[in-house]
Amino acid sequence: MLLTKGSSWGKSIAAGATADDKAFAKNFGPHTPGFHTVDFNDIEAVSNYLESDPYCAAVMVEPIQSAAGTIIPEDGYIRQLRELTTKHNCLLIMDEVSTGLGRTGKMLGSDWDL
């Protein structure tokens, strides 16, 4: 599974495997293996990872990151993620906890780009 850095997935053991908060990542575990991260907004890194791992089950992303401020992706990023995950036959998981149900002016934050 591929996730983006800087996202807030919660405080579970699985989420801790990709936590940017090193105190959390270090002091809790053992972490669930199989989670990999790339920089948010780096479509080339996502593409390279999916080319290298034909068994990647999913890419998980927040359409707008909110854990360390409000970070809005470049135009086309979410659409390109959709195209890549379709091409590589893996799921695209949108974590819409902070951006869903009209909080961005559309029903879902991902609706701005899809």
C-alpha atoms as a PDB file:
ATOM      1  CA  MET A   1       0.000   0.000   0.000  1.00  0.00           C
ATOM      2  CA  LEU A   2       1.271   3.444  -0.891  1.00  0.00           C
ATOM      3  CA  LEU A   3       0.507   6.522   1.208  1.00  0.00           C
ATOM      4  CA  THR A   4       1.504  10.159   1.025  1.00  0.00           C
ATOM      5  CA  LYS A   5       3.779  11.778   3.588  1.00  0.00           C
ATOM      6  CA  GLY A   6       2.313  14.486   5.782  1.00  0.00           C
ATOM      7  CA  SER A   7      -1.111  12.898   6.006  1.00  0.00           C
ATOM      8  CA  SER A   8      -2.914  12.133   9.232  1.00  0.00           C
ATOM      9  CA  TRP A   9      -4.169   8.565   9.246  1.00  0.00           C
ATOM     10  CA  GLY A  10      -4.800   8.365  12.985  1.00  0.00           C
ATOM     11  CA  LYS A  11      -2.869   6.673  15.755  1.00  0.00           C
ATOM     12  CA  SER A  12      -3.316   2.963  15.064  1.00  0.00           C
ATOM     13  CA  ILE A  13      -0.376   0.572  14.798  1.00  0.00           C
ATOM     14  CA  ALA A  14      -0.803   0.475  11.010  1.00  0.00           C
ATOM     15  CA  ALA A  15      -0.971   4.273  10.745  1.00  0.00           C
ATOM     16  CA  GLY A  16       2.110   4.599  12.934  1.00  0.00           C
ATOM     17  CA  ALA A  17       4.178   2.789  10.320  1.00  0.00           C
ATOM     18  CA  THR A  18       3.923   5.856   8.098  1.00  0.00           C
ATOM     19  CA  ALA A  19       3.715   8.585  10.736  1.00  0.00           C
ATOM     20  CA  ASP A  20       5.747  11.723  10.133  1.00  0.00           C
ATOM     21  CA  ASP A  21       5.689  12.258  13.902  1.00  0.00           C
ATOM     22  CA  LYS A  22       8.869  10.336  14.759  1.00  0.00           C
ATOM     23  CA  ALA A  23       8.032  10.264  18.490  1.00  0.00           C
ATOM     24  CA  PHE A  24       4.840   8.396  17.666  1.00  0.00           C
ATOM     25  CA  ALA A  25       6.505   6.141  15.127  1.00  0.00           C
ATOM     26  CA  LYS A  26       9.398   5.332  17.491  1.00  0.00           C
ATOM     27  CA  ASN A  27       7.472   4.728  20.714  1.00  0.00           C
ATOM     28  CA  PHE A  28       4.709   2.508  19.379  1.00  0.00           C
ATOM     29  CA  GLY A  29       4.915  -0.740  17.514  1.00  0.00           C
ATOM     30  CA  PRO A  30       5.667  -3.152  16.143  1.00  0.00           C
ATOM     31  CA  HIS A  31       4.416  -1.470  13.011  1.00  0.00           C
ATOM     32  CA  THR A  32       2.497  -3.212  10.296  1.00  0.00           C
ATOM     33  CA  PRO A  33       4.786  -3.984   7.337  1.00  0.00           C
ATOM     34  CA  GLY A  34       3.924  -3.266   3.726  1.00  0.00           C
ATOM     35  CA  PHE A  35       3.215   0.457   3.933  1.00  0.00           C
ATOM     36  CA  HIS A  36       5.319   2.749   1.748  1.00  0.00           C
ATOM     37  CA  THR A  37       5.271   6.539   1.462  1.00  0.00           C
ATOM     38  CA  VAL A  38       5.952   9.168  -1.175  1.00  0.00           C
ATOM     39  CA  ASP A  39       5.800  12.938  -0.972  1.00  0.00           C
ATOM     40  CA  PHE A  40       2.362  14.506  -1.310  1.00  0.00           C
ATOM     41  CA  ASN A  41       1.832  16.138  -4.700  1.00  0.00           C
ATOM     42  CA  ASP A  42       4.628  14.091  -6.329  1.00  0.00           C
ATOM     43  CA  ILE A  43       2.848  12.259  -9.129  1.00  0.00           C
ATOM     44  CA  GLU A  44       6.148  11.037 -10.582  1.00  0.00           C
ATOM     45  CA  ALA A  45       7.016   9.274  -7.308  1.00  0.00           C
ATOM     46  CA  VAL A  46       3.615   7.567  -7.305  1.00  0.00           C
ATOM     47  CA  SER A  47       4.077   6.481 -10.909  1.00  0.00           C
ATOM     48  CA  ASN A  48       7.582   5.153 -10.220  1.00  0.00           C
ATOM     49  CA  TYR A  49       6.381   3.209  -7.186  1.00  0.00           C
ATOM     50  CA  LEU A  50       3.448   1.646  -9.039  1.00  0.00           C
ATOM     51  CA  GLU A  51       5.772   0.647 -11.903  1.00  0.00           C
ATOM     52  CA  SER A  52       8.103  -1.036  -9.403  1.00  0.00           C
ATOM     53  CA  ASP A  53       5.430  -2.869  -7.381  1.00  0.00           C
ATOM     54  CA  PRO A  54       2.866  -4.707  -9.509  1.00  0.00           C
ATOM     55  CA  TYR A  55       1.213  -6.013  -6.323  1.00  0.00           C
ATOM     56  CA  CYS A  56       0.415  -2.617  -4.788  1.00  0.00           C
ATOM     57  CA  ALA A  57      -3.180  -2.927  -3.582  1.00  0.00           C
ATOM     58  CA  ALA A  58      -3.973   0.750  -3.045  1.00  0.00           C
ATOM     59  CA  VAL A  59      -2.835   4.349  -2.988  1.00  0.00           C
ATOM     60  CA  MET A  60      -4.243   6.351  -0.080  1.00  0.00           C
ATOM     61  CA  VAL A  61      -4.265  10.135  -0.060  1.00  0.00           C
ATOM     62  CA  GLU A  62      -5.985  13.080   1.563  1.00  0.00           C
ATOM     63  CA  PRO A  63      -7.305  15.364  -1.212  1.00  0.00           C
ATOM     64  CA  ILE A  64      -6.267  18.331   0.924  1.00  0.00           C
ATOM     65  CA  GLN A  65      -3.798  17.693   3.725  1.00  0.00           C
ATOM     66  CA  SER A  66      -4.670  19.268   7.037  1.00  0.00           C
ATOM     67  CA  ALA A  67      -2.435  17.766   9.729  1.00  0.00           C
ATOM     68  CA  ALA A  68       0.380  20.308   9.275  1.00  0.00           C
ATOM     69  CA  GLY A  69      -1.645  23.186   7.869  1.00  0.00           C
ATOM     70  CA  THR A  70      -3.805  23.303   4.770  1.00  0.00           C
ATOM     71  CA  ILE A  71      -1.896  21.880   1.822  1.00  0.00           C
ATOM     72  CA  ILE A  72      -3.788  21.926  -1.459  1.00  0.00           C
ATOM     73  CA  PRO A  73      -2.472  19.745  -4.297  1.00  0.00           C
ATOM     74  CA  GLU A  74      -1.549  21.054  -7.713  1.00  0.00           C
ATOM     75  CA  ASP A  75      -4.335  21.067 -10.307  1.00  0.00           C
ATOM     76  CA  GLY A  76      -4.633  17.632 -11.869  1.00  0.00           C
ATOM     77  CA  TYR A  77      -2.927  15.698  -9.044  1.00  0.00           C
ATOM     78  CA  ILE A  78      -6.019  13.787  -7.892  1.00  0.00           C
ATOM     79  CA  ARG A  79      -7.113  13.131 -11.495  1.00  0.00           C
ATOM     80  CA  GLN A  80      -3.628  11.804 -12.322  1.00  0.00           C
ATOM     81  CA  LEU A  81      -3.740   9.557  -9.246  1.00  0.00           C
ATOM     82  CA  ARG A  82      -7.065   8.168 -10.499  1.00  0.00           C
ATOM     83  CA  GLU A  83      -5.549   7.498 -13.934  1.00  0.00           C
ATOM     84  CA  LEU A  84      -2.454   5.799 -12.478  1.00  0.00           C
ATOM     85  CA  THR A  85      -4.374   3.585 -10.075  1.00  0.00           C
ATOM     86  CA  THR A  86      -6.757   2.550 -12.850  1.00  0.00           C
ATOM     87  CA  LYS A  87      -3.807   1.764 -15.137  1.00  0.00           C
ATOM     88  CA  HIS A  88      -2.117  -0.338 -12.427  1.00  0.00           C
ATOM     89  CA  ASN A  89      -5.330  -2.000 -11.261  1.00  0.00           C
ATOM     90  CA  CYS A  90      -5.169  -0.807  -7.667  1.00  0.00           C
ATOM     91  CA  LEU A  91      -7.548   1.104  -5.451  1.00  0.00           C
ATOM     92  CA  LEU A  92      -7.447   4.858  -4.933  1.00  0.00           C
ATOM     93  CA  ILE A  93      -8.530   5.587  -1.370  1.00  0.00           C
ATOM     94  CA  MET A  94      -9.492   9.174  -0.597  1.00  0.00           C
ATOM     95  CA  ASP A  95      -9.341  10.018   3.086  1.00  0.00           C
ATOM     96  CA  GLU A  96     -12.092  12.643   3.177  1.00  0.00           C
ATOM     97  CA  VAL A  97     -12.437  12.982   6.965  1.00  0.00           C
ATOM     98  CA  SER A  98     -11.336  16.637   6.891  1.00  0.00           C
ATOM     99  CA  THR A  99     -12.536  17.538   3.388  1.00  0.00           C
ATOM    100  CA  GLY A 100     -15.807  15.690   2.818  1.00  0.00           C
ATOM    101  CA  LEU A 101     -19.485  16.564   3.065  1.00  0.00           C
ATOM    102  CA  GLY A 102     -19.297  20.066   1.713  1.00  0.00           C
ATOM    103  CA  ARG A 103     -16.365  21.346   3.749  1.00  0.00           C
ATOM    104  CA  THR A 104     -14.559  22.559   0.623  1.00  0.00           C
ATOM    105  CA  GLY A 105     -17.574  23.871  -1.283  1.00  0.00           C
ATOM    106  CA  LYS A 106     -18.248  20.581  -3.084  1.00  0.00           C
ATOM    107  CA  MET A 107     -19.615  17.335  -1.663  1.00  0.00           C
ATOM    108  CA  LEU A 108     -16.104  15.816  -1.487  1.00  0.00           C
ATOM    109  CA  GLY A 109     -12.724  17.529  -1.593  1.00  0.00           C
ATOM    110  CA  SER A 110     -11.696  15.216  -4.415  1.00  0.00           C
ATOM    111  CA  ASP A 111     -14.615  16.491  -6.531  1.00  0.00           C
ATOM    112  CA  TRP A 112     -12.576  19.600  -7.362  1.00  0.00           C
ATOM    113  CA  ASP A 113     -10.218  17.520  -9.505  1.00  0.00           C
ATOM    114  CA  LEU A 114     -12.187  14.469 -10.636  1.00  0.00           C
END
